[in-house]
Amino acid sequence: MKIKTQDLTGTALDWAVAIINYKLVYGVGYITCIFSSKGWVARDEHRYSTDWSQGGPIIEREDIAMWPDQEGGWFASTDQGKGMDYHGGTALIAAMRCFVASKLGDTIDIPEELL
């Protein structure tokens, strides 16, 4: 199912980040998902959008800039993202949306099971 990158959240956002990150780091162009008691999860249960130990290295490696908005949310941007700003309720969500958009564009295909 097609979804706007700006609307990605939760497992769908983590899945999209995992797809890209595995390809960049390991040269693997795909990642499997499994169904567990926690729902659909990416292999190794990555939580890039909620765990700084997982999302932080991507932010640093990709040189993603982040700044707060006036309502308590966050914006993130990278030159690779063509100067577009991505918003999220947290800095990690904004940064991971920015990362996905910079690699896959403003709209991506997500398995319906993850939405």
Protein backbone atom coordinates (compact mmCIF):
# COMPACT_ATOMS: atom_id res chain seq x y z
CA MET A 1 0.00 0.00 0.00
CA LYS A 2 1.34 3.45 -0.89
CA ILE A 3 1.76 5.88 1.98
CA LYS A 4 3.27 9.34 2.29
CA THR A 5 6.62 9.25 4.05
CA GLN A 6 5.47 12.14 6.26
CA ASP A 7 2.68 9.87 7.59
CA LEU A 8 4.90 6.89 8.49
CA THR A 9 4.86 5.91 12.14
CA GLY A 10 5.50 2.96 14.44
CA THR A 11 6.31 -0.41 12.90
CA ALA A 12 5.84 0.86 9.34
CA LEU A 13 8.42 3.61 9.87
CA ASP A 14 10.87 1.23 11.57
CA TRP A 15 10.39 -1.29 8.73
CA ALA A 16 11.16 1.35 6.07
CA VAL A 17 14.28 2.47 7.95
CA ALA A 18 15.40 -1.15 8.35
CA ILE A 19 15.03 -1.80 4.61
CA ILE A 20 17.29 1.14 3.78
CA ASN A 21 19.76 0.68 6.63
CA TYR A 22 20.36 -3.00 5.88
CA LYS A 23 21.06 -2.17 2.24
CA LEU A 24 23.47 0.65 3.15
CA VAL A 25 25.28 -1.20 5.94
CA TYR A 26 25.14 -4.83 4.82
CA GLY A 27 24.45 -4.62 1.09
CA VAL A 28 21.20 -6.55 1.57
CA GLY A 29 18.33 -5.16 -0.48
CA TYR A 30 15.53 -6.65 1.59
CA ILE A 31 14.62 -7.54 5.13
CA THR A 32 12.18 -10.10 6.42
CA CYS A 33 9.37 -9.34 8.79
CA ILE A 34 7.99 -11.77 11.32
CA PHE A 35 4.74 -11.86 13.23
CA SER A 36 5.08 -12.14 16.98
CA SER A 37 3.01 -11.39 20.05
CA LYS A 38 4.11 -7.77 19.52
CA GLY A 39 2.70 -7.69 15.98
CA TRP A 40 4.67 -7.32 12.75
CA VAL A 41 8.28 -6.54 13.47
CA ALA A 42 11.42 -6.20 11.39
CA ARG A 43 14.10 -8.79 11.95
CA ASP A 44 15.91 -8.16 15.25
CA GLU A 45 12.97 -5.97 16.31
CA HIS A 46 14.50 -2.68 15.26
CA ARG A 47 13.00 0.39 16.87
CA TYR A 48 14.78 3.18 15.02
CA SER A 49 12.01 5.69 15.68
CA THR A 50 11.94 5.17 19.46
CA ASP A 51 15.43 4.01 20.47
CA TRP A 52 18.30 6.51 20.27
CA SER A 53 20.88 3.71 20.27
CA GLN A 54 19.42 2.55 16.94
CA GLY A 55 18.29 5.81 15.32
CA GLY A 56 21.13 7.99 16.61
CA PRO A 57 23.88 6.42 14.49
CA ILE A 58 21.76 6.97 11.35
CA ILE A 59 21.23 10.63 12.26
CA GLU A 60 24.97 11.09 12.71
CA ARG A 61 25.98 9.11 9.61
CA GLU A 62 23.46 10.88 7.36
CA ASP A 63 24.12 14.33 8.88
CA ILE A 64 20.44 14.93 9.62
CA ALA A 65 19.74 18.30 11.22
CA MET A 66 16.92 18.53 13.79
CA TRP A 67 15.22 21.43 15.54
CA PRO A 68 12.11 21.81 17.71
CA ASP A 69 8.91 23.46 16.54
CA GLN A 70 6.85 25.77 18.74
CA GLU A 71 4.19 23.14 19.53
CA GLY A 72 6.55 20.54 21.05
CA GLY A 73 7.26 18.54 17.88
CA TRP A 74 10.40 18.37 15.80
CA PHE A 75 11.62 19.04 12.26
CA ALA A 76 14.45 17.21 10.49
CA SER A 77 16.24 17.89 7.23
CA THR A 78 19.21 16.73 5.18
CA ASP A 79 20.75 17.95 1.95
CA GLN A 80 20.01 14.51 0.54
CA GLY A 81 16.35 15.21 1.20
CA LYS A 82 16.51 18.09 -1.32
CA GLY A 83 16.03 20.69 1.40
CA MET A 84 12.62 19.42 2.50
CA ASP A 85 11.77 19.41 6.18
CA TYR A 86 10.04 16.43 7.78
CA HIS A 87 7.99 16.75 10.94
CA GLY A 88 7.35 14.37 13.81
CA GLY A 89 6.11 14.33 17.37
CA THR A 90 9.63 13.40 18.49
CA ALA A 91 13.08 14.14 17.13
CA LEU A 92 13.61 10.48 16.23
CA ILE A 93 10.36 10.20 14.29
CA ALA A 94 11.13 13.39 12.34
CA ALA A 95 14.70 12.24 11.63
CA MET A 96 13.67 8.74 10.52
CA ARG A 97 10.98 10.16 8.21
CA CYS A 98 13.64 12.46 6.76
CA PHE A 99 16.01 9.51 6.30
CA VAL A 100 13.38 7.41 4.51
CA ALA A 101 12.34 10.31 2.28
CA SER A 102 15.95 11.08 1.35
CA LYS A 103 16.43 7.50 0.10
CA LEU A 104 12.98 6.42 -1.14
CA GLY A 105 11.05 9.63 -1.82
CA ASP A 106 7.88 11.23 -0.52
CA THR A 107 5.68 8.16 -1.13
CA ILE A 108 6.63 4.53 -0.52
CA ASP A 109 5.03 1.08 -0.66
CA ILE A 110 4.48 -0.49 2.75
CA PRO A 111 3.05 -3.99 3.31
CA GLU A 112 -0.55 -3.60 4.45
CA GLU A 113 0.16 -5.84 7.46
CA LEU A 114 2.39 -3.11 8.88
CA LEU A 115 -0.20 -0.35 8.76
